[in-house]
Structure formats: structure tokens, C-alpha cells
């Protein structure tokens, strides 16, 4: 009788322990590296921190580079604004220079010598005014473009107003200057307006005998 009770008790103990063992066997093993106490693996934490630090450094370098590029663009825009601020005003003032030059050219040398002293003084005053105006242009970065007869026609600096046949000059070269041109800094303010030699049988030919007016 006691043996039967002992077997029954032992059987109950085994049945009570069975679910505990099955639960222990069914518990999954964590994939996160951890030590025996369940804390994160220090090496894994170090690797994660190093990666985060590298990402932050990359973002910082990109931000610094973008800031430097923005500063350079702003500085370049500021310099251009200062350099070319007088462009519109200068473009209008070159017409004043043209009129002064026409007034001086209207009086022939022989007429000037025969003129009264007052007229000669007036002409000299106009010449002084023109020189002062050109000096003012120079101070503001505006330079005159005046090609000499025989210079090669440059479509970037010159504007061909007409062609001159039988000029005796090579075709495509400047024969006559109608109006001077002007540059402001490295930009064209106004092209020099010129007449160019036309191709003919007697004149030497350059550039295939054609005037290249394309820019």
C-alpha cells in the first residue's frame, strides 16, 4: 500500500515538473548579444556608437562645406554688384562721350585755326571735358575699345555696321570706326561699331574672305 502511494506521489511530482521543463526548453534564445546578466554586449554598443559618430562627422563636414560654398557665392555676388553697379549708368554716359567726340570732329583743323580765340577756347573746353569723362570711366572700371584700321574684326568686341569694297585692306579687317566700344570689368558694355573690308579680287583675304559676325 505504501509502495503504491509512493509511486503515485512520485508520478504526481513528475507530472508537476513536466510543464516547467517543457517551458524552459521552449524559451527562445535572444539574438541580441548580451552577457550572462542580460546586459547589452559592450563591443556591440561600441560598434554602434562608432557608426553613429561617423555619420555625425559626415553630416558636419557636409554642413561646413555647404556653408563655405554659400559664403563664397555671397562674396562673389557682392564683388560683382560693386564691380558692375555702374553698368547701366555707364551705358547711358557713353552716349555723352559720343556727342562730345562728334562736336570736336565737326570742326576741321583748318577751320579751327581760322576761328576766333573764343571759339578755339570753346573747342579746347570740349576736349578737356571729354578727357575728364574718359578718366572718370577709367576710375569706375570702364575702358574704351577703339580698334585701329587694319585690326582683325572680333565679333566679341565689334559690331559690323557695313562693308567697304575696294578698301585695299584684307577682307574682314576694320576699315572705319563709327563709334568706340566700351568694357566694364571683363564684360562688354557696348561693342565698337565699325565698317569692315569687303572681299574683293585685289585685296588679300583672311578667314576665307568672309566677315564672321557671330559671337
C-alpha atoms as a PDB file:
ATOM      1  CA  UNK A   1       0.000   0.000   0.000  1.00  0.00           C
ATOM      2  CA  UNK A   2       2.770   2.386   0.927  1.00  0.00           C
ATOM      3  CA  UNK A   3       4.613   1.492  -2.278  1.00  0.00           C
ATOM      4  CA  UNK A   4       1.536   2.364  -4.320  1.00  0.00           C
ATOM      5  CA  UNK A   5       1.208   5.680  -2.536  1.00  0.00           C
ATOM      6  CA  UNK A   6       4.867   6.387  -3.116  1.00  0.00           C
ATOM      7  CA  UNK A   7       4.530   5.618  -6.829  1.00  0.00           C
ATOM      8  CA  UNK A   8       1.505   7.878  -7.030  1.00  0.00           C
ATOM      9  CA  UNK A   9       3.300  10.668  -5.238  1.00  0.00           C
ATOM     10  CA  UNK A  10       6.315  10.265  -7.455  1.00  0.00           C
ATOM     11  CA  UNK A  11       4.101  10.276 -10.527  1.00  0.00           C
ATOM     12  CA  UNK A  12       2.393  13.484  -9.358  1.00  0.00           C
ATOM     13  CA  UNK A  13       5.787  15.093  -8.784  1.00  0.00           C
ATOM     14  CA  UNK A  14       6.918  14.117 -12.268  1.00  0.00           C
ATOM     15  CA  UNK A  15       3.711  15.459 -13.828  1.00  0.00           C
ATOM     16  CA  UNK A  16       4.083  18.738 -11.918  1.00  0.00           C
ATOM     17  CA  UNK A  17       7.660  19.164 -13.063  1.00  0.00           C
ATOM     18  CA  UNK A  18       6.971  18.227 -16.684  1.00  0.00           C
ATOM     19  CA  UNK A  19       5.396  21.589 -17.778  1.00  0.00           C
ATOM     20  CA  UNK A  20       8.241  23.529 -16.197  1.00  0.00           C
ATOM     21  CA  UNK A  21      10.861  21.597 -18.165  1.00  0.00           C
ATOM     22  CA  UNK A  22       8.892  21.983 -21.419  1.00  0.00           C
ATOM     23  CA  UNK A  23       8.572  25.739 -20.859  1.00  0.00           C
ATOM     24  CA  UNK A  24      12.290  26.016 -20.248  1.00  0.00           C
ATOM     25  CA  UNK A  25      13.010  24.093 -23.429  1.00  0.00           C
ATOM     26  CA  UNK A  26      10.558  26.242 -25.499  1.00  0.00           C
ATOM     27  CA  UNK A  27      12.004  29.619 -24.382  1.00  0.00           C
ATOM     28  CA  UNK A  28      13.828  31.218 -27.413  1.00  0.00           C
ATOM     29  CA  UNK A  29      17.425  32.351 -27.195  1.00  0.00           C
ATOM     30  CA  UNK A  30      17.771  36.121 -27.655  1.00  0.00           C
ATOM     31  CA  UNK A  31      19.589  37.213 -30.860  1.00  0.00           C
ATOM     32  CA  UNK A  32      20.882  40.442 -29.237  1.00  0.00           C
ATOM     33  CA  UNK A  33      24.410  39.954 -27.913  1.00  0.00           C
ATOM     34  CA  UNK A  34      24.211  40.061 -24.149  1.00  0.00           C
ATOM     35  CA  UNK A  35      26.236  38.926 -21.197  1.00  0.00           C
ATOM     36  CA  UNK A  36      25.167  36.405 -18.600  1.00  0.00           C
ATOM     37  CA  UNK A  37      23.102  39.008 -16.734  1.00  0.00           C
ATOM     38  CA  UNK A  38      21.178  40.053 -19.882  1.00  0.00           C
ATOM     39  CA  UNK A  39      23.053  43.360 -20.388  1.00  0.00           C
ATOM     40  CA  UNK A  40      23.969  44.512 -23.991  1.00  0.00           C
ATOM     41  CA  UNK A  41      27.304  43.378 -25.299  1.00  0.00           C
ATOM     42  CA  UNK A  42      29.809  46.258 -24.731  1.00  0.00           C
ATOM     43  CA  UNK A  43      31.528  45.514 -28.031  1.00  0.00           C
ATOM     44  CA  UNK A  44      28.233  45.797 -29.930  1.00  0.00           C
ATOM     45  CA  UNK A  45      27.477  49.077 -28.163  1.00  0.00           C
ATOM     46  CA  UNK A  46      30.937  50.406 -29.093  1.00  0.00           C
ATOM     47  CA  UNK A  47      30.435  49.477 -32.756  1.00  0.00           C
ATOM     48  CA  UNK A  48      27.032  51.208 -32.808  1.00  0.00           C
ATOM     49  CA  UNK A  49      28.487  54.348 -31.228  1.00  0.00           C
ATOM     50  CA  UNK A  50      31.369  54.416 -33.698  1.00  0.00           C
ATOM     51  CA  UNK A  51      28.934  54.174 -36.624  1.00  0.00           C
ATOM     52  CA  UNK A  52      26.784  56.956 -35.184  1.00  0.00           C
ATOM     53  CA  UNK A  53      29.871  59.108 -34.657  1.00  0.00           C
ATOM     54  CA  UNK A  54      30.979  58.548 -38.266  1.00  0.00           C
ATOM     55  CA  UNK A  55      27.519  59.554 -39.535  1.00  0.00           C
ATOM     56  CA  UNK A  56      27.558  62.717 -37.434  1.00  0.00           C
ATOM     57  CA  UNK A  57      31.045  63.619 -38.652  1.00  0.00           C
ATOM     58  CA  UNK A  58      29.937  63.167 -42.276  1.00  0.00           C
ATOM     59  CA  UNK A  59      26.906  65.408 -41.737  1.00  0.00           C
ATOM     60  CA  UNK A  60      29.077  68.018 -40.040  1.00  0.00           C
ATOM     61  CA  UNK A  61      31.606  68.068 -42.883  1.00  0.00           C
ATOM     62  CA  UNK A  62      28.819  68.391 -45.450  1.00  0.00           C
ATOM     63  CA  UNK A  63      27.255  71.265 -43.493  1.00  0.00           C
ATOM     64  CA  UNK A  64      30.635  73.049 -43.245  1.00  0.00           C
ATOM     65  CA  UNK A  65      31.250  72.615 -46.991  1.00  0.00           C
ATOM     66  CA  UNK A  66      27.788  73.951 -47.861  1.00  0.00           C
ATOM     67  CA  UNK A  67      28.291  76.933 -45.564  1.00  0.00           C
ATOM     68  CA  UNK A  68      31.647  77.710 -47.195  1.00  0.00           C
ATOM     69  CA  UNK A  69      30.129  77.462 -50.681  1.00  0.00           C
ATOM     70  CA  UNK A  70      27.316  79.797 -49.654  1.00  0.00           C
ATOM     71  CA  UNK A  71      29.848  82.272 -48.242  1.00  0.00           C
ATOM     72  CA  UNK A  72      31.882  82.206 -51.448  1.00  0.00           C
ATOM     73  CA  UNK A  73      28.813  82.724 -53.622  1.00  0.00           C
ATOM     74  CA  UNK A  74      27.713  85.640 -51.471  1.00  0.00           C
ATOM     75  CA  UNK A  75      31.186  87.205 -51.656  1.00  0.00           C
ATOM     76  CA  UNK A  76      31.299  86.749 -55.442  1.00  0.00           C
ATOM     77  CA  UNK A  77      27.842  88.297 -55.813  1.00  0.00           C
ATOM     78  CA  UNK A  78      28.899  91.208 -53.627  1.00  0.00           C
ATOM     79  CA  UNK A  79      32.034  91.812 -55.708  1.00  0.00           C
ATOM     80  CA  UNK A  80      30.033  91.634 -58.952  1.00  0.00           C
ATOM     81  CA  UNK A  81      27.484  94.073 -57.550  1.00  0.00           C
ATOM     82  CA  UNK A  82      30.257  96.545 -56.726  1.00  0.00           C
ATOM     83  CA  UNK A  83      32.129  95.991 -59.990  1.00  0.00           C
ATOM     84  CA  UNK A  84      29.144  96.247 -62.307  1.00  0.00           C
ATOM     85  CA  UNK A  85      26.977  98.668 -60.322  1.00  0.00           C
ATOM     86  CA  UNK A  86      27.762 101.466 -62.797  1.00  0.00           C
ATOM     87  CA  UNK A  87      26.924  99.391 -65.880  1.00  0.00           C
ATOM     88  CA  UNK A  88      23.521 100.941 -66.599  1.00  0.00           C
ATOM     89  CA  UNK A  89      24.725 104.454 -65.793  1.00  0.00           C
ATOM     90  CA  UNK A  90      27.895 103.954 -67.832  1.00  0.00           C
ATOM     91  CA  UNK A  91      25.912 102.662 -70.809  1.00  0.00           C
ATOM     92  CA  UNK A  92      23.983 105.942 -70.845  1.00  0.00           C
ATOM     93  CA  UNK A  93      27.048 108.112 -70.263  1.00  0.00           C
ATOM     94  CA  UNK A  94      28.986 106.697 -73.220  1.00  0.00           C
ATOM     95  CA  UNK A  95      26.460 108.455 -75.436  1.00  0.00           C
ATOM     96  CA  UNK A  96      27.569 111.739 -73.870  1.00  0.00           C
ATOM     97  CA  UNK A  97      31.130 110.834 -74.786  1.00  0.00           C
ATOM     98  CA  UNK A  98      29.992 110.112 -78.351  1.00  0.00           C
ATOM     99  CA  UNK A  99      28.386 113.564 -78.642  1.00  0.00           C
ATOM    100  CA  UNK A 100      31.459 115.319 -77.278  1.00  0.00           C
ATOM    101  CA  UNK A 101      33.607 113.468 -79.776  1.00  0.00           C
ATOM    102  CA  UNK A 102      31.281 114.366 -82.646  1.00  0.00           C
ATOM    103  CA  UNK A 103      31.358 118.015 -81.618  1.00  0.00           C
ATOM    104  CA  UNK A 104      35.155 118.027 -81.715  1.00  0.00           C
ATOM    105  CA  UNK A 105      35.307 116.182 -85.039  1.00  0.00           C
ATOM    106  CA  UNK A 106      32.807 118.584 -86.607  1.00  0.00           C
ATOM    107  CA  UNK A 107      35.395 121.348 -86.652  1.00  0.00           C
ATOM    108  CA  UNK A 108      38.097 120.761 -89.227  1.00  0.00           C
ATOM    109  CA  UNK A 109      41.692 121.630 -88.291  1.00  0.00           C
ATOM    110  CA  UNK A 110      41.921 124.466 -90.812  1.00  0.00           C
ATOM    111  CA  UNK A 111      38.612 125.906 -89.606  1.00  0.00           C
ATOM    112  CA  UNK A 112      39.796 125.714 -86.032  1.00  0.00           C
ATOM    113  CA  UNK A 113      42.968 127.652 -86.787  1.00  0.00           C
ATOM    114  CA  UNK A 114      40.982 130.340 -88.578  1.00  0.00           C
ATOM    115  CA  UNK A 115      38.415 130.607 -85.786  1.00  0.00           C
ATOM    116  CA  UNK A 116      38.402 133.423 -83.216  1.00  0.00           C
ATOM    117  CA  UNK A 117      40.108 132.831 -79.912  1.00  0.00           C
ATOM    118  CA  UNK A 118      36.760 132.392 -78.145  1.00  0.00           C
ATOM    119  CA  UNK A 119      35.767 129.567 -80.485  1.00  0.00           C
ATOM    120  CA  UNK A 120      39.135 127.893 -80.065  1.00  0.00           C
ATOM    121  CA  UNK A 121      38.761 128.129 -76.289  1.00  0.00           C
ATOM    122  CA  UNK A 122      35.298 126.560 -76.545  1.00  0.00           C
ATOM    123  CA  UNK A 123      36.696 123.638 -78.560  1.00  0.00           C
ATOM    124  CA  UNK A 124      39.506 123.184 -76.053  1.00  0.00           C
ATOM    125  CA  UNK A 125      36.947 123.161 -73.256  1.00  0.00           C
ATOM    126  CA  UNK A 126      35.014 120.398 -75.001  1.00  0.00           C
ATOM    127  CA  UNK A 127      38.214 118.380 -75.416  1.00  0.00           C
ATOM    128  CA  UNK A 128      39.053 118.785 -71.726  1.00  0.00           C
ATOM    129  CA  UNK A 129      35.526 117.673 -70.798  1.00  0.00           C
ATOM    130  CA  UNK A 130      35.892 114.558 -72.959  1.00  0.00           C
ATOM    131  CA  UNK A 131      39.232 113.687 -71.379  1.00  0.00           C
ATOM    132  CA  UNK A 132      37.804 114.115 -67.888  1.00  0.00           C
ATOM    133  CA  UNK A 133      34.849 111.927 -68.773  1.00  0.00           C
ATOM    134  CA  UNK A 134      37.141 109.183 -70.076  1.00  0.00           C
ATOM    135  CA  UNK A 135      39.276 109.461 -66.914  1.00  0.00           C
ATOM    136  CA  UNK A 136      36.095 109.072 -64.839  1.00  0.00           C
ATOM    137  CA  UNK A 137      35.212 105.988 -66.855  1.00  0.00           C
ATOM    138  CA  UNK A 138      38.638 104.532 -66.087  1.00  0.00           C
ATOM    139  CA  UNK A 139      38.196 105.078 -62.348  1.00  0.00           C
ATOM    140  CA  UNK A 140      34.950 103.131 -62.451  1.00  0.00           C
ATOM    141  CA  UNK A 141      36.404 100.252 -64.468  1.00  0.00           C
ATOM    142  CA  UNK A 142      35.036 101.365 -67.858  1.00  0.00           C
ATOM    143  CA  UNK A 143      37.586 101.138 -70.661  1.00  0.00           C
ATOM    144  CA  UNK A 144      37.313 102.276 -74.246  1.00  0.00           C
ATOM    145  CA  UNK A 145      37.575  99.859 -77.178  1.00  0.00           C
ATOM    146  CA  UNK A 146      38.827 101.628 -80.315  1.00  0.00           C
ATOM    147  CA  UNK A 147      40.208  99.263 -82.966  1.00  0.00           C
ATOM    148  CA  UNK A 148      42.704 100.717 -85.405  1.00  0.00           C
ATOM    149  CA  UNK A 149      42.228 100.409 -89.179  1.00  0.00           C
ATOM    150  CA  UNK A 150      43.603  97.066 -90.280  1.00  0.00           C
ATOM    151  CA  UNK A 151      42.835  95.318 -86.976  1.00  0.00           C
ATOM    152  CA  UNK A 152      41.135  91.958 -87.230  1.00  0.00           C
ATOM    153  CA  UNK A 153      37.359  92.104 -86.794  1.00  0.00           C
ATOM    154  CA  UNK A 154      36.351  90.494 -83.486  1.00  0.00           C
ATOM    155  CA  UNK A 155      32.671  89.622 -83.189  1.00  0.00           C
ATOM    156  CA  UNK A 156      33.016  89.537 -79.388  1.00  0.00           C
ATOM    157  CA  UNK A 157      34.078  93.197 -79.274  1.00  0.00           C
ATOM    158  CA  UNK A 158      32.982  94.757 -82.564  1.00  0.00           C
ATOM    159  CA  UNK A 159      29.715  95.269 -84.396  1.00  0.00           C
ATOM    160  CA  UNK A 160      29.939  95.383 -88.200  1.00  0.00           C
ATOM    161  CA  UNK A 161      27.746  98.226 -89.466  1.00  0.00           C
ATOM    162  CA  UNK A 162      28.693  97.973 -93.153  1.00  0.00           C
ATOM    163  CA  UNK A 163      31.277  96.517 -95.524  1.00  0.00           C
ATOM    164  CA  UNK A 164      33.671  98.633 -97.548  1.00  0.00           C
ATOM    165  CA  UNK A 165      34.528  97.349-101.033  1.00  0.00           C
ATOM    166  CA  UNK A 166      37.866  98.028-102.707  1.00  0.00           C
ATOM    167  CA  UNK A 167      39.426  99.228 -99.460  1.00  0.00           C
ATOM    168  CA  UNK A 168      42.795  97.651-100.162  1.00  0.00           C
ATOM    169  CA  UNK A 169      42.661  96.033 -96.719  1.00  0.00           C
ATOM    170  CA  UNK A 170      42.375  92.292 -96.079  1.00  0.00           C
ATOM    171  CA  UNK A 171      38.785  91.135 -96.051  1.00  0.00           C
ATOM    172  CA  UNK A 172      37.276  91.001 -92.584  1.00  0.00           C
ATOM    173  CA  UNK A 173      39.508  93.711 -91.106  1.00  0.00           C
ATOM    174  CA  UNK A 174      38.422  97.026 -89.624  1.00  0.00           C
ATOM    175  CA  UNK A 175      38.464  99.924 -92.076  1.00  0.00           C
ATOM    176  CA  UNK A 176      36.464 102.607 -90.283  1.00  0.00           C
ATOM    177  CA  UNK A 177      35.335 103.164 -86.674  1.00  0.00           C
ATOM    178  CA  UNK A 178      31.850 104.648 -86.403  1.00  0.00           C
ATOM    179  CA  UNK A 179      31.627 104.610 -82.601  1.00  0.00           C
ATOM    180  CA  UNK A 180      34.050 103.452 -79.948  1.00  0.00           C
ATOM    181  CA  UNK A 181      33.123 100.477 -77.789  1.00  0.00           C
ATOM    182  CA  UNK A 182      33.420 100.113 -74.026  1.00  0.00           C
ATOM    183  CA  UNK A 183      34.121  97.370 -71.494  1.00  0.00           C
ATOM    184  CA  UNK A 184      33.235  97.379 -67.812  1.00  0.00           C
ATOM    185  CA  UNK A 185      35.440  94.947 -65.948  1.00  0.00           C
ATOM    186  CA  UNK A 186      35.516  91.846 -68.125  1.00  0.00           C
ATOM    187  CA  UNK A 187      32.049  92.464 -69.582  1.00  0.00           C
ATOM    188  CA  UNK A 188      31.154  94.197 -72.820  1.00  0.00           C
ATOM    189  CA  UNK A 189      29.285  97.431 -72.161  1.00  0.00           C
ATOM    190  CA  UNK A 190      28.908  98.349 -75.823  1.00  0.00           C
ATOM    191  CA  UNK A 191      30.508  96.870 -78.918  1.00  0.00           C
ATOM    192  CA  UNK A 192      32.618  99.123 -81.122  1.00  0.00           C
ATOM    193  CA  UNK A 193      30.653  99.907 -84.279  1.00  0.00           C
ATOM    194  CA  UNK A 194      32.880  99.575 -87.297  1.00  0.00           C
ATOM    195  CA  UNK A 195      32.993  99.230 -91.050  1.00  0.00           C
ATOM    196  CA  UNK A 196      34.925  96.236 -92.346  1.00  0.00           C
ATOM    197  CA  UNK A 197      36.707  95.495 -95.572  1.00  0.00           C
ATOM    198  CA  UNK A 198      34.684  93.563 -98.095  1.00  0.00           C
ATOM    199  CA  UNK A 199      36.219  90.706-100.005  1.00  0.00           C
ATOM    200  CA  UNK A 200      37.388  91.650-103.484  1.00  0.00           C
ATOM    201  CA  UNK A 201      39.774  90.281-106.042  1.00  0.00           C
ATOM    202  CA  UNK A 202      42.552  92.788-105.375  1.00  0.00           C
ATOM    203  CA  UNK A 203      42.692  92.626-101.576  1.00  0.00           C
ATOM    204  CA  UNK A 204      44.366  89.818 -99.641  1.00  0.00           C
ATOM    205  CA  UNK A 205      41.844  87.524 -97.991  1.00  0.00           C
ATOM    206  CA  UNK A 206      41.650  86.350 -94.405  1.00  0.00           C
ATOM    207  CA  UNK A 207      39.143  83.995 -92.817  1.00  0.00           C
ATOM    208  CA  UNK A 208      38.037  82.755 -96.219  1.00  0.00           C
ATOM    209  CA  UNK A 209      37.161  86.268 -97.414  1.00  0.00           C
ATOM    210  CA  UNK A 210      34.122  86.451 -95.139  1.00  0.00           C
ATOM    211  CA  UNK A 211      33.282  88.611 -92.149  1.00  0.00           C
ATOM    212  CA  UNK A 212      32.419  86.465 -89.147  1.00  0.00           C
ATOM    213  CA  UNK A 213      29.864  88.489 -87.159  1.00  0.00           C
ATOM    214  CA  UNK A 214      28.772  85.582 -84.962  1.00  0.00           C
ATOM    215  CA  UNK A 215      29.647  85.576 -81.283  1.00  0.00           C
END
